[in-house]
N, C-alpha and C. Protein backbone atom coordinates (compact mmCIF):
# COMPACT_ATOMS: atom_id res chain seq x y z
N MET A 1 117.28 113.92 70.63
CA MET A 1 117.34 112.53 71.04
C MET A 1 115.93 111.94 70.89
N ALA A 2 115.83 110.77 70.29
CA ALA A 2 114.55 110.11 70.07
C ALA A 2 114.04 109.51 71.37
N PRO A 3 112.70 109.37 71.51
CA PRO A 3 112.17 108.71 72.70
C PRO A 3 112.75 107.31 72.83
N GLY A 4 113.02 106.91 74.04
CA GLY A 4 113.54 105.58 74.28
C GLY A 4 115.04 105.45 74.09
N GLN A 5 115.74 106.58 73.88
CA GLN A 5 117.19 106.54 73.78
C GLN A 5 117.81 107.29 74.93
N SER A 6 118.93 106.77 75.40
CA SER A 6 119.66 107.47 76.45
C SER A 6 120.74 108.30 75.80
N GLY A 7 121.34 109.20 76.52
CA GLY A 7 122.36 110.07 75.98
C GLY A 7 123.66 109.37 75.66
N ASN A 8 123.82 108.12 76.05
CA ASN A 8 125.07 107.41 75.79
C ASN A 8 124.97 106.48 74.60
N GLY A 9 123.92 106.62 73.78
CA GLY A 9 123.77 105.79 72.60
C GLY A 9 123.09 104.46 72.86
N ARG A 10 122.88 104.12 74.12
CA ARG A 10 122.17 102.88 74.46
C ARG A 10 120.70 103.20 74.57
N PRO A 11 119.83 102.24 74.19
CA PRO A 11 118.41 102.51 74.32
C PRO A 11 118.03 102.69 75.78
N GLY A 12 117.21 103.68 76.04
CA GLY A 12 116.70 103.89 77.39
C GLY A 12 115.40 103.14 77.56
N LEU A 13 114.91 103.08 78.75
CA LEU A 13 113.65 102.43 79.03
C LEU A 13 112.56 103.47 79.12
N PRO A 14 111.33 103.09 78.76
CA PRO A 14 110.23 104.04 78.90
C PRO A 14 110.16 104.57 80.33
N GLY A 15 109.92 105.85 80.48
CA GLY A 15 109.79 106.44 81.80
C GLY A 15 111.11 106.73 82.48
N THR A 16 112.23 106.66 81.76
CA THR A 16 113.51 106.90 82.40
C THR A 16 114.12 108.21 81.95
N GLY A 17 113.30 109.23 81.88
CA GLY A 17 113.81 110.55 81.57
C GLY A 17 114.66 111.05 82.72
N PRO A 18 115.07 112.31 82.67
CA PRO A 18 115.89 112.85 83.75
C PRO A 18 115.25 112.61 85.11
N GLY A 19 115.98 111.96 85.99
CA GLY A 19 115.50 111.70 87.35
C GLY A 19 114.62 110.48 87.47
N GLY A 20 114.22 109.86 86.34
CA GLY A 20 113.37 108.68 86.37
C GLY A 20 114.17 107.43 86.66
N THR A 21 113.48 106.41 87.14
CA THR A 21 114.14 105.12 87.38
C THR A 21 113.32 104.01 86.74
N ALA A 22 113.98 102.92 86.42
CA ALA A 22 113.31 101.76 85.84
C ALA A 22 114.03 100.51 86.32
N GLY A 23 113.35 99.39 86.22
CA GLY A 23 113.95 98.12 86.57
C GLY A 23 113.99 97.20 85.37
N ILE A 24 115.04 96.41 85.26
CA ILE A 24 115.22 95.48 84.16
C ILE A 24 115.47 94.11 84.76
N PHE A 25 114.82 93.07 84.21
CA PHE A 25 115.18 91.70 84.54
C PHE A 25 115.81 91.14 83.28
N LEU A 26 117.02 90.63 83.38
CA LEU A 26 117.80 90.23 82.22
C LEU A 26 118.39 88.84 82.43
N ILE A 27 118.31 88.01 81.39
CA ILE A 27 118.98 86.71 81.40
C ILE A 27 119.92 86.70 80.21
N GLY A 28 121.18 86.37 80.44
CA GLY A 28 122.12 86.34 79.34
C GLY A 28 123.49 85.87 79.76
N ARG A 29 124.39 85.87 78.82
CA ARG A 29 125.79 85.48 79.06
C ARG A 29 126.59 86.67 79.53
N VAL A 30 127.49 86.40 80.46
CA VAL A 30 128.42 87.43 80.94
C VAL A 30 129.51 87.58 79.88
N THR A 31 129.67 88.81 79.37
CA THR A 31 130.70 89.05 78.36
C THR A 31 131.91 89.78 78.95
N ALA A 32 131.73 90.37 80.12
CA ALA A 32 132.84 91.00 80.85
C ALA A 32 132.43 91.11 82.31
N VAL A 33 133.41 90.98 83.21
CA VAL A 33 133.11 91.07 84.63
C VAL A 33 134.36 91.56 85.37
N SER A 34 134.13 92.42 86.36
CA SER A 34 135.20 92.87 87.25
C SER A 34 134.57 93.01 88.62
N ARG A 35 135.34 93.45 89.59
CA ARG A 35 134.76 93.60 90.93
C ARG A 35 133.81 94.79 91.00
N THR A 36 133.82 95.68 89.98
CA THR A 36 132.97 96.87 90.01
C THR A 36 131.91 96.93 88.92
N SER A 37 131.93 95.97 87.96
CA SER A 37 130.91 96.00 86.91
C SER A 37 130.75 94.62 86.27
N VAL A 38 129.60 94.45 85.61
CA VAL A 38 129.32 93.23 84.87
C VAL A 38 128.62 93.64 83.58
N THR A 39 129.00 92.98 82.48
CA THR A 39 128.34 93.19 81.20
C THR A 39 127.64 91.89 80.83
N ILE A 40 126.34 91.99 80.55
CA ILE A 40 125.51 90.83 80.23
C ILE A 40 124.85 91.06 78.89
N GLY A 41 124.89 90.07 78.02
CA GLY A 41 124.25 90.19 76.72
C GLY A 41 125.08 89.52 75.66
N GLY A 42 125.18 90.18 74.53
CA GLY A 42 125.93 89.63 73.42
C GLY A 42 126.20 90.69 72.39
N PRO A 43 126.67 90.29 71.22
CA PRO A 43 126.98 91.26 70.16
C PRO A 43 125.77 92.13 69.83
N GLY A 44 125.96 93.43 69.87
CA GLY A 44 124.90 94.36 69.52
C GLY A 44 123.93 94.70 70.63
N ARG A 45 123.76 93.84 71.59
CA ARG A 45 122.81 94.09 72.68
C ARG A 45 123.42 93.63 73.99
N SER A 46 123.84 94.55 74.80
CA SER A 46 124.37 94.20 76.11
C SER A 46 124.18 95.38 77.05
N ILE A 47 124.22 95.09 78.31
CA ILE A 47 124.13 96.13 79.35
C ILE A 47 125.30 95.96 80.29
N THR A 48 125.99 97.04 80.54
CA THR A 48 127.05 97.06 81.55
C THR A 48 126.48 97.76 82.77
N ALA A 49 126.50 97.07 83.90
CA ALA A 49 125.95 97.60 85.13
C ALA A 49 127.01 97.63 86.22
N ALA A 50 126.93 98.65 87.04
CA ALA A 50 127.83 98.74 88.19
C ALA A 50 127.49 97.65 89.20
N VAL A 51 128.51 97.13 89.83
CA VAL A 51 128.36 96.18 90.95
C VAL A 51 128.81 96.93 92.19
N THR A 52 127.94 96.99 93.19
CA THR A 52 128.23 97.73 94.41
C THR A 52 128.20 96.80 95.62
N ALA A 53 128.49 97.34 96.76
CA ALA A 53 128.43 96.56 97.99
C ALA A 53 127.00 96.08 98.26
N SER A 54 126.00 96.74 97.67
CA SER A 54 124.60 96.36 97.86
C SER A 54 124.12 95.30 96.87
N THR A 55 124.92 94.98 95.86
CA THR A 55 124.52 93.98 94.88
C THR A 55 124.48 92.61 95.54
N ARG A 56 123.32 91.93 95.46
CA ARG A 56 123.18 90.57 96.01
C ARG A 56 123.60 89.58 94.93
N VAL A 57 124.51 88.70 95.26
CA VAL A 57 124.94 87.63 94.35
C VAL A 57 124.53 86.32 95.00
N THR A 58 123.70 85.53 94.30
CA THR A 58 123.15 84.32 94.89
C THR A 58 123.28 83.14 93.93
N GLY A 59 122.97 81.98 94.44
CA GLY A 59 123.06 80.74 93.66
C GLY A 59 124.23 79.93 94.16
N THR A 60 125.03 79.41 93.25
CA THR A 60 126.17 78.60 93.64
C THR A 60 127.39 79.46 93.95
N VAL A 61 127.26 80.77 93.80
CA VAL A 61 128.34 81.70 94.14
C VAL A 61 127.81 82.73 95.13
N SER A 62 128.70 83.35 95.86
CA SER A 62 128.25 84.32 96.86
C SER A 62 128.85 85.71 96.66
N SER A 63 129.69 85.86 95.63
CA SER A 63 130.25 87.18 95.34
C SER A 63 130.52 87.30 93.85
N ILE A 64 130.72 88.51 93.39
CA ILE A 64 130.96 88.75 91.97
C ILE A 64 132.21 88.02 91.49
N SER A 65 133.15 87.74 92.38
CA SER A 65 134.37 87.04 91.98
C SER A 65 134.09 85.61 91.53
N GLY A 66 132.92 85.07 91.87
CA GLY A 66 132.55 83.73 91.45
C GLY A 66 131.91 83.69 90.06
N ILE A 67 131.62 84.85 89.49
CA ILE A 67 131.02 84.95 88.16
C ILE A 67 132.14 85.07 87.13
N LYS A 68 132.06 84.29 86.06
CA LYS A 68 133.09 84.28 85.03
C LYS A 68 132.49 84.63 83.67
N VAL A 69 133.33 85.14 82.76
CA VAL A 69 132.90 85.39 81.38
C VAL A 69 132.39 84.07 80.81
N GLY A 70 131.25 84.12 80.14
CA GLY A 70 130.64 82.93 79.56
C GLY A 70 129.54 82.34 80.42
N ASP A 71 129.50 82.68 81.72
CA ASP A 71 128.43 82.18 82.59
C ASP A 71 127.09 82.76 82.14
N ARG A 72 126.05 81.96 82.20
CA ARG A 72 124.69 82.43 81.91
C ARG A 72 124.07 82.80 83.26
N VAL A 73 123.69 84.06 83.40
CA VAL A 73 123.17 84.56 84.67
C VAL A 73 121.82 85.24 84.45
N SER A 74 121.11 85.42 85.54
CA SER A 74 119.95 86.30 85.54
C SER A 74 120.31 87.47 86.44
N ALA A 75 119.79 88.64 86.10
CA ALA A 75 120.14 89.82 86.88
C ALA A 75 118.97 90.78 86.96
N GLN A 76 118.85 91.42 88.09
CA GLN A 76 117.94 92.55 88.25
C GLN A 76 118.81 93.78 88.21
N ILE A 77 118.46 94.71 87.34
CA ILE A 77 119.26 95.90 87.13
C ILE A 77 118.36 97.11 87.23
N SER A 78 118.82 98.12 87.95
CA SER A 78 118.06 99.37 88.02
C SER A 78 118.74 100.39 87.11
N GLN A 79 117.92 101.22 86.49
CA GLN A 79 118.44 102.28 85.64
C GLN A 79 117.93 103.61 86.17
N THR A 80 118.85 104.51 86.43
CA THR A 80 118.52 105.87 86.81
C THR A 80 119.23 106.76 85.80
N GLY A 81 118.45 107.43 84.95
CA GLY A 81 119.06 108.20 83.88
C GLY A 81 119.84 107.26 82.98
N SER A 82 121.11 107.51 82.79
CA SER A 82 121.94 106.64 81.94
C SER A 82 122.83 105.72 82.76
N THR A 83 122.55 105.59 84.07
CA THR A 83 123.36 104.74 84.94
C THR A 83 122.63 103.45 85.25
N TYR A 84 123.31 102.32 85.02
CA TYR A 84 122.78 101.00 85.31
C TYR A 84 123.51 100.43 86.52
N THR A 85 122.75 99.85 87.47
CA THR A 85 123.33 99.24 88.66
C THR A 85 122.69 97.87 88.87
N ALA A 86 123.53 96.85 89.04
CA ALA A 86 123.03 95.50 89.32
C ALA A 86 122.58 95.45 90.77
N THR A 87 121.30 95.14 90.99
CA THR A 87 120.82 95.01 92.36
C THR A 87 120.89 93.56 92.81
N ALA A 88 120.78 92.60 91.85
CA ALA A 88 120.89 91.18 92.18
C ALA A 88 121.37 90.42 90.95
N ILE A 89 122.24 89.44 91.19
CA ILE A 89 122.74 88.56 90.14
C ILE A 89 122.61 87.13 90.65
N GLN A 90 122.03 86.25 89.82
CA GLN A 90 121.82 84.85 90.18
C GLN A 90 122.60 83.96 89.22
N TYR A 91 123.42 83.06 89.77
CA TYR A 91 124.11 82.06 88.97
C TYR A 91 124.01 80.73 89.68
N PRO A 92 123.51 79.68 89.05
CA PRO A 92 123.04 79.66 87.68
C PRO A 92 121.73 80.43 87.53
N THR A 93 121.34 80.63 86.28
CA THR A 93 120.15 81.40 85.93
C THR A 93 118.90 80.87 86.63
N ARG A 94 118.09 81.79 87.08
CA ARG A 94 116.78 81.43 87.63
C ARG A 94 115.79 82.49 87.22
N SER A 95 114.71 82.08 86.57
CA SER A 95 113.68 83.00 86.11
C SER A 95 112.73 83.33 87.25
N PRO A 96 112.09 84.51 87.17
CA PRO A 96 111.07 84.83 88.18
C PRO A 96 109.91 83.83 88.10
N VAL A 97 109.19 83.66 89.18
CA VAL A 97 108.06 82.75 89.23
C VAL A 97 107.07 83.13 88.14
N GLY A 98 106.62 82.12 87.38
CA GLY A 98 105.63 82.36 86.35
C GLY A 98 106.21 82.76 85.00
N VAL A 99 107.52 82.92 84.90
CA VAL A 99 108.15 83.31 83.64
C VAL A 99 108.92 82.12 83.10
N THR A 100 108.67 81.76 81.84
CA THR A 100 109.43 80.69 81.23
C THR A 100 110.40 81.29 80.22
N VAL A 101 111.56 80.70 80.14
CA VAL A 101 112.61 81.19 79.26
C VAL A 101 112.95 80.07 78.29
N PRO A 102 112.99 80.38 76.98
CA PRO A 102 113.31 79.33 76.00
C PRO A 102 114.71 78.80 76.17
């Protein structure tokens, strides 16, 4: 396996070897959503993350059921090994302070 790749064919993040963790801040369109997972991205590049009871959903919605396919969201996602978990989802999109998004 090449550096920066996870065992599931998706690119891994630097420092996310066995037992390592990383954080991702992502802005994109929701391509799939259920009460237990959300997929954000587009053709060729997307991340599917688990949604748990600890996932914070904020903005104009207060739960994952308020997020729909096609919505543009921002999300904080943690990666442990090859597992992605949404820690926070914001709808509508909001960038971190000091970050501009085209």
